[in-house]
């Protein structure tokens, strides 16, 4: 998927978080939005996802050479960030079954396969409310990266991950992120992106 931003700005009350932003995210390429806290990284990702509407400017999405309807873009993208909550009354397996109503998973990947890929082998029937912060982040990342969506947006993906889990995240992106337009927002954390990513500095 290609995303085009033209003269995009976002204001909250009287404060401009982003202004006069022109950007083209090309299909299948990998990007990192790098900046300090408060620089507008999360706001930009939310606008790219369609979750937030720009105060000024236009965002358009293009899939297979055609302009996509903004109301239907969500079915072609995956988005996660540390501020997004999981329904804690669900078990992990229930969460996967719920997620499958909206996203297509690759091949013959079963719900149990997703649990194992997430590295949570014995936690499939466990309530998410009983997960640690690191386990919840694994769930979020697995449910974002595994589906066959053409646009993948990850906001500070290594939040709450230790060194072993950060390595798991990089392997997951390497295996299941190929061919997707990938955009990672990072507070200059080198574990979250590879040197080959195109840099967008805020």
Protein backbone atom coordinates (compact mmCIF):
# COMPACT_ATOMS: atom_id res chain seq x y z
CA UNK A 1 0.00 0.00 0.00
CA UNK A 2 1.15 3.53 -0.77
CA UNK A 3 0.29 6.41 1.56
CA UNK A 4 0.60 10.04 0.45
CA UNK A 5 0.54 12.99 2.83
CA UNK A 6 0.18 16.48 1.35
CA UNK A 7 0.70 19.59 3.51
CA UNK A 8 -0.48 17.65 6.56
CA UNK A 9 -0.68 19.27 9.98
CA UNK A 10 -2.27 18.36 13.30
CA UNK A 11 -3.27 20.76 16.03
CA UNK A 12 -4.58 19.96 19.49
CA UNK A 13 -6.35 23.07 20.77
CA UNK A 14 -3.81 25.85 20.18
CA UNK A 15 -0.73 23.63 19.88
CA UNK A 16 0.52 22.41 16.52
CA UNK A 17 2.09 18.97 16.89
CA UNK A 18 2.88 18.64 13.17
CA UNK A 19 2.80 21.19 10.35
CA UNK A 20 3.33 21.31 6.57
CA UNK A 21 4.28 17.62 6.25
CA UNK A 22 4.68 16.16 2.76
CA UNK A 23 5.47 12.47 2.64
CA UNK A 24 5.11 9.46 0.36
CA UNK A 25 5.32 5.95 1.84
CA UNK A 26 5.99 3.63 -1.07
CA UNK A 27 4.56 0.10 -1.31
CA UNK A 28 6.67 -2.63 0.26
CA UNK A 29 9.28 -0.27 1.73
CA UNK A 30 10.34 0.04 5.37
CA UNK A 31 10.49 3.30 7.28
CA UNK A 32 11.36 4.50 10.76
CA UNK A 33 9.86 7.70 12.18
CA UNK A 34 12.48 8.79 14.69
CA UNK A 35 12.15 11.54 17.23
CA UNK A 36 12.14 12.44 20.88
CA UNK A 37 9.11 12.26 23.15
CA UNK A 38 6.50 14.81 22.10
CA UNK A 39 7.83 15.18 18.56
CA UNK A 40 4.58 13.89 17.00
CA UNK A 41 5.56 10.30 16.11
CA UNK A 42 2.44 8.67 17.54
CA UNK A 43 0.21 11.40 16.13
CA UNK A 44 1.67 10.84 12.67
CA UNK A 45 1.15 7.06 12.88
CA UNK A 46 -2.44 7.54 14.01
CA UNK A 47 -3.11 9.82 11.03
CA UNK A 48 -1.49 7.34 8.63
CA UNK A 49 -3.77 4.65 10.07
CA UNK A 50 -6.86 6.83 9.63
CA UNK A 51 -7.49 6.86 13.39
CA UNK A 52 -6.88 10.62 13.51
CA UNK A 53 -7.95 13.20 10.94
CA UNK A 54 -5.43 15.91 9.97
CA UNK A 55 -6.26 19.48 10.92
CA UNK A 56 -4.81 20.60 7.59
CA UNK A 57 -3.78 18.78 4.43
CA UNK A 58 -4.81 15.52 2.81
CA UNK A 59 -3.87 11.85 3.33
CA UNK A 60 -4.63 9.35 0.57
CA UNK A 61 -4.13 5.59 0.48
CA UNK A 62 -3.46 3.67 -2.72
CA UNK A 63 -3.72 -0.09 -3.11
CA UNK A 64 -2.96 -1.93 -6.35
CA UNK A 65 -2.81 1.38 -8.18
CA UNK A 66 -6.24 2.52 -7.02
CA UNK A 67 -7.23 5.08 -4.41
CA UNK A 68 -8.63 3.31 -1.36
CA UNK A 69 -11.80 4.40 0.41
CA UNK A 70 -10.70 5.86 3.79
CA UNK A 71 -13.63 4.07 5.47
CA UNK A 72 -12.23 0.70 4.38
CA UNK A 73 -8.50 1.27 4.85
CA UNK A 74 -8.55 -0.44 8.27
CA UNK A 75 -9.02 -3.87 6.69
CA UNK A 76 -5.68 -3.50 4.85
CA UNK A 77 -3.56 -2.29 7.76
CA UNK A 78 -2.34 -3.40 11.16
CA UNK A 79 -1.50 -0.93 13.90
CA UNK A 80 -0.30 -1.30 17.46
CA UNK A 81 1.22 0.89 20.13
CA UNK A 82 1.87 0.75 23.87
CA UNK A 83 -1.19 2.94 24.58
CA UNK A 84 -3.63 0.53 22.89
CA UNK A 85 -5.45 -1.73 25.34
CA UNK A 86 -6.32 -5.40 24.97
CA UNK A 87 -9.71 -6.69 26.20
CA UNK A 88 -8.50 -8.27 29.43
CA UNK A 89 -11.52 -10.55 29.91
CA UNK A 90 -10.40 -12.55 26.84
CA UNK A 91 -7.93 -15.39 26.87
CA UNK A 92 -5.18 -15.22 24.27
CA UNK A 93 -6.94 -17.85 22.13
CA UNK A 94 -10.23 -15.96 22.38
CA UNK A 95 -8.39 -12.80 21.32
CA UNK A 96 -6.99 -14.59 18.26
CA UNK A 97 -10.43 -15.93 17.30
CA UNK A 98 -11.89 -12.42 17.66
CA UNK A 99 -9.07 -10.94 15.58
CA UNK A 100 -9.68 -13.43 12.77
CA UNK A 101 -13.09 -11.87 12.18
CA UNK A 102 -11.30 -8.81 10.79
CA UNK A 103 -7.92 -10.00 9.52
CA UNK A 104 -6.65 -12.87 7.37
CA UNK A 105 -3.76 -14.92 8.74
CA UNK A 106 -1.25 -16.58 6.40
CA UNK A 107 -1.67 -20.10 5.03
CA UNK A 108 -2.79 -22.77 7.41
CA UNK A 109 -1.69 -20.93 10.54
CA UNK A 110 -3.90 -22.18 13.38
CA UNK A 111 -4.81 -20.31 16.54
CA UNK A 112 -2.44 -22.58 18.47
CA UNK A 113 0.32 -21.78 15.97
CA UNK A 114 -0.14 -18.08 16.73
CA UNK A 115 0.21 -18.78 20.47
CA UNK A 116 3.46 -20.67 19.86
CA UNK A 117 4.84 -18.06 17.46
CA UNK A 118 4.20 -15.44 20.15
CA UNK A 119 6.35 -17.52 22.51
CA UNK A 120 3.47 -17.94 24.97
CA UNK A 121 3.19 -21.70 24.69
CA UNK A 122 1.31 -22.38 27.93
CA UNK A 123 -0.75 -19.18 28.03
CA UNK A 124 -3.37 -19.76 25.34
CA UNK A 125 -6.22 -20.28 27.80
CA UNK A 126 -4.91 -17.74 30.29
CA UNK A 127 -6.81 -14.47 30.75
CA UNK A 128 -4.98 -11.48 29.31
CA UNK A 129 -5.57 -9.61 32.59
CA UNK A 130 -3.09 -12.05 34.17
CA UNK A 131 -0.38 -11.41 31.57
CA UNK A 132 2.72 -9.39 32.37
CA UNK A 133 3.35 -6.18 30.42
CA UNK A 134 5.91 -8.04 28.28
CA UNK A 135 3.44 -10.84 27.49
CA UNK A 136 0.78 -8.30 26.51
CA UNK A 137 3.26 -6.63 24.16
CA UNK A 138 3.99 -10.00 22.54
CA UNK A 139 0.25 -10.47 21.98
CA UNK A 140 -0.10 -7.02 20.41
CA UNK A 141 2.87 -7.53 18.11
CA UNK A 142 1.84 -11.03 17.03
CA UNK A 143 -1.70 -9.88 16.21
CA UNK A 144 -0.33 -6.90 14.25
CA UNK A 145 2.54 -8.52 12.35
CA UNK A 146 1.14 -11.97 11.47
CA UNK A 147 -2.01 -10.99 9.47
CA UNK A 148 -1.79 -10.50 5.71
CA UNK A 149 -2.18 -6.72 5.70
CA UNK A 150 -0.32 -4.50 3.25
CA UNK A 151 0.40 -1.65 5.70
CA UNK A 152 2.02 -2.36 9.08
CA UNK A 153 2.32 0.46 11.64
CA UNK A 154 4.27 -0.20 14.86
CA UNK A 155 4.64 2.45 17.55
CA UNK A 156 7.67 1.84 19.79
CA UNK A 157 7.36 -1.96 19.37
CA UNK A 158 10.06 -2.87 21.90
CA UNK A 159 8.23 -1.19 24.79
CA UNK A 160 8.16 -3.65 27.75
CA UNK A 161 10.31 -6.19 25.88
CA UNK A 162 13.55 -7.57 27.33
CA UNK A 163 16.56 -8.40 25.14
CA UNK A 164 15.29 -11.91 24.29
CA UNK A 165 11.83 -10.63 23.36
CA UNK A 166 13.33 -7.79 21.29
CA UNK A 167 15.24 -10.40 19.30
CA UNK A 168 11.97 -12.35 18.85
CA UNK A 169 10.29 -9.18 17.54
CA UNK A 170 13.01 -8.61 14.94
CA UNK A 171 12.74 -12.20 13.71
CA UNK A 172 8.94 -11.89 13.50
CA UNK A 173 9.20 -8.74 11.36
CA UNK A 174 11.85 -10.38 9.17
CA UNK A 175 9.65 -13.42 8.53
CA UNK A 176 6.16 -11.93 8.32
CA UNK A 177 6.83 -8.28 7.41
CA UNK A 178 8.22 -8.94 3.95
CA UNK A 179 6.39 -7.18 1.14
CA UNK A 180 4.47 -4.94 3.51
CA UNK A 181 4.75 -1.18 3.78
CA UNK A 182 6.25 -1.05 7.26
CA UNK A 183 6.42 2.11 9.39
CA UNK A 184 8.01 1.99 12.86
CA UNK A 185 7.89 4.92 15.26
CA UNK A 186 10.91 4.87 17.55
CA UNK A 187 12.46 6.99 20.25
CA UNK A 188 15.88 6.27 18.69
CA UNK A 189 15.84 2.63 19.88
CA UNK A 190 18.07 0.63 17.48
CA UNK A 191 16.39 -2.64 18.50
CA UNK A 192 13.20 -1.51 16.77
CA UNK A 193 14.49 -1.15 13.20
CA UNK A 194 17.30 -2.24 10.91
CA UNK A 195 19.94 0.04 9.32
CA UNK A 196 18.25 -0.35 5.92
CA UNK A 197 15.07 1.44 7.01
CA UNK A 198 14.41 4.83 5.42
CA UNK A 199 14.62 7.50 8.12
CA UNK A 200 11.88 10.10 8.71
CA UNK A 201 13.09 12.51 11.40
CA UNK A 202 10.70 14.61 13.47
